[in-house]
Amino acid sequence: MKNSYRYPDGSEYNGEWNDQGQREGYGVMKFPDGSQYYGAFNKGLCDGNGIMVFADHSRYEGEFRNGKFNGFGVFVRSDGMKFEGQFQDGKIQGLGLVTFSDLTHGLPRNEGQFENNKLVRRQKCHGEVQRARQAAQRAQEN
């Protein structure tokens, strides 16, 4: 079933619902701060492929699980700095590549293993970057 609902905090959801009254399937969630999520929901949470656009115009395109960035995706800050790679529980965690707003990757190159949003080991990770770009593409196709 598809329907809209406005929450007491000002959030608004327009999309599919399950029989238990939870957001389920494809939907759009608009938050009071101006952030918006477009994509898949499961048991009321962002789960699957989606796009989160924040009030400052930074955005994440990729995989979500239990309401957080999780899996492969691309995060672009409002200043143009970009991370393509793996995320876990809403943080940069795993292999990936940083691209600065001037389209450079830094010297030495900011590519490799990230933990808690920080580069801890430099290594090539072309396969993970490609998977992140593919996840972002799937999110855009929703």
C-alpha atoms as a PDB file:
ATOM      1  CA  MET A   1       0.000   0.000   0.000  1.00  0.00           C
ATOM      2  CA  LYS A   2       1.295   3.489  -0.863  1.00  0.00           C
ATOM      3  CA  ASN A   3       0.442   6.489   1.284  1.00  0.00           C
ATOM      4  CA  SER A   4       1.814   9.665   2.905  1.00  0.00           C
ATOM      5  CA  TYR A   5       2.212  10.433   6.588  1.00  0.00           C
ATOM      6  CA  ARG A   6       3.396  13.538   8.467  1.00  0.00           C
ATOM      7  CA  TYR A   7       5.053  12.820  11.828  1.00  0.00           C
ATOM      8  CA  PRO A   8       4.716  15.090  14.906  1.00  0.00           C
ATOM      9  CA  ASP A   9       8.376  16.189  14.538  1.00  0.00           C
ATOM     10  CA  GLY A  10       7.653  17.509  11.024  1.00  0.00           C
ATOM     11  CA  SER A  11       9.156  14.550   9.134  1.00  0.00           C
ATOM     12  CA  GLU A  12       7.124  13.394   6.176  1.00  0.00           C
ATOM     13  CA  TYR A  13       7.076   9.993   4.465  1.00  0.00           C
ATOM     14  CA  ASN A  14       5.573   9.214   1.091  1.00  0.00           C
ATOM     15  CA  GLY A  15       5.812   5.624  -0.052  1.00  0.00           C
ATOM     16  CA  GLU A  16       4.979   2.012   0.565  1.00  0.00           C
ATOM     17  CA  TRP A  17       3.891   0.472   3.880  1.00  0.00           C
ATOM     18  CA  ASN A  18       3.638  -3.089   5.186  1.00  0.00           C
ATOM     19  CA  ASP A  19       0.622  -4.607   6.948  1.00  0.00           C
ATOM     20  CA  GLN A  20       2.087  -3.663  10.359  1.00  0.00           C
ATOM     21  CA  GLY A  21       2.075   0.043   9.458  1.00  0.00           C
ATOM     22  CA  GLN A  22       5.841   0.254   8.932  1.00  0.00           C
ATOM     23  CA  ARG A  23       7.623   1.913   6.017  1.00  0.00           C
ATOM     24  CA  GLU A  24       8.410  -0.964   3.647  1.00  0.00           C
ATOM     25  CA  GLY A  25       9.545  -0.941   0.012  1.00  0.00           C
ATOM     26  CA  TYR A  26      10.348   2.258  -1.883  1.00  0.00           C
ATOM     27  CA  GLY A  27       9.713   5.649  -0.293  1.00  0.00           C
ATOM     28  CA  VAL A  28      10.820   9.221   0.242  1.00  0.00           C
ATOM     29  CA  MET A  29      11.455  10.555   3.756  1.00  0.00           C
ATOM     30  CA  LYS A  30      11.835  14.299   4.335  1.00  0.00           C
ATOM     31  CA  PHE A  31      13.295  15.410   7.661  1.00  0.00           C
ATOM     32  CA  PRO A  32      12.695  18.697   9.527  1.00  0.00           C
ATOM     33  CA  ASP A  33      16.314  19.850   8.975  1.00  0.00           C
ATOM     34  CA  GLY A  34      15.856  19.655   5.195  1.00  0.00           C
ATOM     35  CA  SER A  35      17.597  16.295   4.713  1.00  0.00           C
ATOM     36  CA  GLN A  36      15.874  13.777   2.441  1.00  0.00           C
ATOM     37  CA  TYR A  37      16.148  10.039   1.844  1.00  0.00           C
ATOM     38  CA  TYR A  38      15.030   8.354  -1.369  1.00  0.00           C
ATOM     39  CA  GLY A  39      15.120   4.588  -1.523  1.00  0.00           C
ATOM     40  CA  ALA A  40      14.326   1.245   0.029  1.00  0.00           C
ATOM     41  CA  PHE A  41      12.859   0.732   3.489  1.00  0.00           C
ATOM     42  CA  ASN A  42      12.611  -2.437   5.560  1.00  0.00           C
ATOM     43  CA  LYS A  43      10.753  -2.639   8.887  1.00  0.00           C
ATOM     44  CA  GLY A  44      10.546   1.164   8.999  1.00  0.00           C
ATOM     45  CA  LEU A  45      14.269   1.849   8.426  1.00  0.00           C
ATOM     46  CA  CYS A  46      16.387   2.825   5.409  1.00  0.00           C
ATOM     47  CA  ASP A  47      17.550  -0.581   4.206  1.00  0.00           C
ATOM     48  CA  GLY A  48      18.793  -1.525   0.745  1.00  0.00           C
ATOM     49  CA  ASN A  49      19.733   0.907  -2.023  1.00  0.00           C
ATOM     50  CA  GLY A  50      19.114   4.585  -1.383  1.00  0.00           C
ATOM     51  CA  ILE A  51      20.223   8.193  -1.545  1.00  0.00           C
ATOM     52  CA  MET A  52      20.508  10.491   1.475  1.00  0.00           C
ATOM     53  CA  VAL A  53      20.807  14.203   0.703  1.00  0.00           C
ATOM     54  CA  PHE A  54      21.672  16.355   3.707  1.00  0.00           C
ATOM     55  CA  ALA A  55      20.642  19.947   4.379  1.00  0.00           C
ATOM     56  CA  ASP A  56      24.189  21.166   3.535  1.00  0.00           C
ATOM     57  CA  HIS A  57      23.895  19.384   0.129  1.00  0.00           C
ATOM     58  CA  SER A  58      26.363  16.623   0.962  1.00  0.00           C
ATOM     59  CA  ARG A  59      25.012  13.252  -0.164  1.00  0.00           C
ATOM     60  CA  TYR A  60      25.437   9.511   0.158  1.00  0.00           C
ATOM     61  CA  GLU A  61      24.419   7.128  -2.614  1.00  0.00           C
ATOM     62  CA  GLY A  62      24.646   3.416  -1.984  1.00  0.00           C
ATOM     63  CA  GLU A  63      23.715   0.638   0.379  1.00  0.00           C
ATOM     64  CA  PHE A  64      21.956   1.037   3.728  1.00  0.00           C
ATOM     65  CA  ARG A  65      21.242  -1.406   6.533  1.00  0.00           C
ATOM     66  CA  ASN A  66      19.173  -0.752   9.654  1.00  0.00           C
ATOM     67  CA  GLY A  67      18.965   2.972   8.913  1.00  0.00           C
ATOM     68  CA  LYS A  68      22.709   3.575   8.404  1.00  0.00           C
ATOM     69  CA  PHE A  69      25.232   3.689   5.547  1.00  0.00           C
ATOM     70  CA  ASN A  70      26.339   0.080   5.328  1.00  0.00           C
ATOM     71  CA  GLY A  71      28.040  -1.762   2.490  1.00  0.00           C
ATOM     72  CA  PHE A  72      29.327  -0.033  -0.620  1.00  0.00           C
ATOM     73  CA  GLY A  73      28.602   3.562  -1.538  1.00  0.00           C
ATOM     74  CA  VAL A  74      29.790   7.037  -2.456  1.00  0.00           C
ATOM     75  CA  PHE A  75      29.708   9.977  -0.034  1.00  0.00           C
ATOM     76  CA  VAL A  76      30.243  13.478  -1.441  1.00  0.00           C
ATOM     77  CA  ARG A  77      30.633  16.389   0.971  1.00  0.00           C
ATOM     78  CA  SER A  78      29.167  19.782   0.185  1.00  0.00           C
ATOM     79  CA  ASP A  79      32.695  21.074  -0.623  1.00  0.00           C
ATOM     80  CA  GLY A  80      33.125  18.360  -3.286  1.00  0.00           C
ATOM     81  CA  MET A  81      35.415  16.010  -1.345  1.00  0.00           C
ATOM     82  CA  LYS A  82      34.386  12.403  -2.068  1.00  0.00           C
ATOM     83  CA  PHE A  83      34.852   8.946  -0.558  1.00  0.00           C
ATOM     84  CA  GLU A  84      34.119   5.855  -2.664  1.00  0.00           C
ATOM     85  CA  GLY A  85      34.237   2.548  -0.863  1.00  0.00           C
ATOM     86  CA  GLN A  86      32.971   0.604   2.108  1.00  0.00           C
ATOM     87  CA  PHE A  87      30.840   1.809   5.013  1.00  0.00           C
ATOM     88  CA  GLN A  88      29.750   0.123   8.221  1.00  0.00           C
ATOM     89  CA  ASP A  89      27.230   1.397  10.776  1.00  0.00           C
ATOM     90  CA  GLY A  90      27.238   4.872   9.227  1.00  0.00           C
ATOM     91  CA  LYS A  91      31.040   5.272   9.180  1.00  0.00           C
ATOM     92  CA  ILE A  92      33.774   4.947   6.580  1.00  0.00           C
ATOM     93  CA  GLN A  93      35.033   1.475   7.402  1.00  0.00           C
ATOM     94  CA  GLY A  94      36.879  -0.787   4.970  1.00  0.00           C
ATOM     95  CA  LEU A  95      38.598  -0.191   1.647  1.00  0.00           C
ATOM     96  CA  GLY A  96      38.131   2.983  -0.364  1.00  0.00           C
ATOM     97  CA  LEU A  97      39.472   6.076  -2.064  1.00  0.00           C
ATOM     98  CA  VAL A  98      39.304   9.769  -1.140  1.00  0.00           C
ATOM     99  CA  THR A  99      39.076  12.333  -3.943  1.00  0.00           C
ATOM    100  CA  PHE A 100      39.484  16.001  -3.008  1.00  0.00           C
ATOM    101  CA  SER A 101      37.457  18.807  -4.566  1.00  0.00           C
ATOM    102  CA  ASP A 102      40.352  19.592  -6.958  1.00  0.00           C
ATOM    103  CA  LEU A 103      40.016  15.958  -8.225  1.00  0.00           C
ATOM    104  CA  THR A 104      43.355  14.854  -6.720  1.00  0.00           C
ATOM    105  CA  HIS A 105      43.759  11.993  -4.246  1.00  0.00           C
ATOM    106  CA  GLY A 106      46.501  13.560  -2.139  1.00  0.00           C
ATOM    107  CA  LEU A 107      50.208  12.806  -1.864  1.00  0.00           C
ATOM    108  CA  PRO A 108      50.629  10.081  -0.896  1.00  0.00           C
ATOM    109  CA  ARG A 109      47.387   8.797  -2.398  1.00  0.00           C
ATOM    110  CA  ASN A 110      44.504   8.495   0.131  1.00  0.00           C
ATOM    111  CA  GLU A 111      43.502   4.977  -0.868  1.00  0.00           C
ATOM    112  CA  GLY A 112      43.362   1.856   1.251  1.00  0.00           C
ATOM    113  CA  GLN A 113      41.976   0.543   4.532  1.00  0.00           C
ATOM    114  CA  PHE A 114      39.898   2.979   6.596  1.00  0.00           C
ATOM    115  CA  GLU A 115      38.801   2.488  10.196  1.00  0.00           C
ATOM    116  CA  ASN A 116      36.426   4.878  11.966  1.00  0.00           C
ATOM    117  CA  ASN A 117      36.681   7.371   9.079  1.00  0.00           C
ATOM    118  CA  LYS A 118      40.531   7.391   9.080  1.00  0.00           C
ATOM    119  CA  LEU A 119      43.044   5.917   6.641  1.00  0.00           C
ATOM    120  CA  VAL A 120      45.085   3.313   8.545  1.00  0.00           C
ATOM    121  CA  ARG A 121      46.835   1.419   5.708  1.00  0.00           C
ATOM    122  CA  ARG A 122      47.568   2.426   2.137  1.00  0.00           C
ATOM    123  CA  GLN A 123      46.773  -0.119  -0.567  1.00  0.00           C
ATOM    124  CA  LYS A 124      45.185  -0.306  -3.992  1.00  0.00           C
ATOM    125  CA  CYS A 125      41.461  -1.019  -3.899  1.00  0.00           C
ATOM    126  CA  HIS A 126      40.204  -0.584  -7.451  1.00  0.00           C
ATOM    127  CA  GLY A 127      37.651  -3.406  -7.078  1.00  0.00           C
ATOM    128  CA  GLU A 128      36.049  -1.847  -4.000  1.00  0.00           C
ATOM    129  CA  VAL A 129      35.888   1.585  -5.649  1.00  0.00           C
ATOM    130  CA  GLN A 130      34.159   0.015  -8.671  1.00  0.00           C
ATOM    131  CA  ARG A 131      31.654  -1.752  -6.395  1.00  0.00           C
ATOM    132  CA  ALA A 132      30.964   1.547  -4.597  1.00  0.00           C
ATOM    133  CA  ARG A 133      30.286   3.277  -7.920  1.00  0.00           C
ATOM    134  CA  GLN A 134      27.977   0.420  -8.948  1.00  0.00           C
ATOM    135  CA  ALA A 135      26.082   0.670  -5.642  1.00  0.00           C
ATOM    136  CA  ALA A 136      25.644   4.418  -6.185  1.00  0.00           C
ATOM    137  CA  GLN A 137      24.374   3.744  -9.714  1.00  0.00           C
ATOM    138  CA  ARG A 138      21.815   1.208  -8.406  1.00  0.00           C
ATOM    139  CA  ALA A 139      20.630   3.748  -5.823  1.00  0.00           C
ATOM    140  CA  GLN A 140      20.128   6.343  -8.577  1.00  0.00           C
ATOM    141  CA  GLU A 141      18.057   3.877 -10.615  1.00  0.00           C
ATOM    142  CA  ASN A 142      15.412   3.446  -7.883  1.00  0.00           C
END
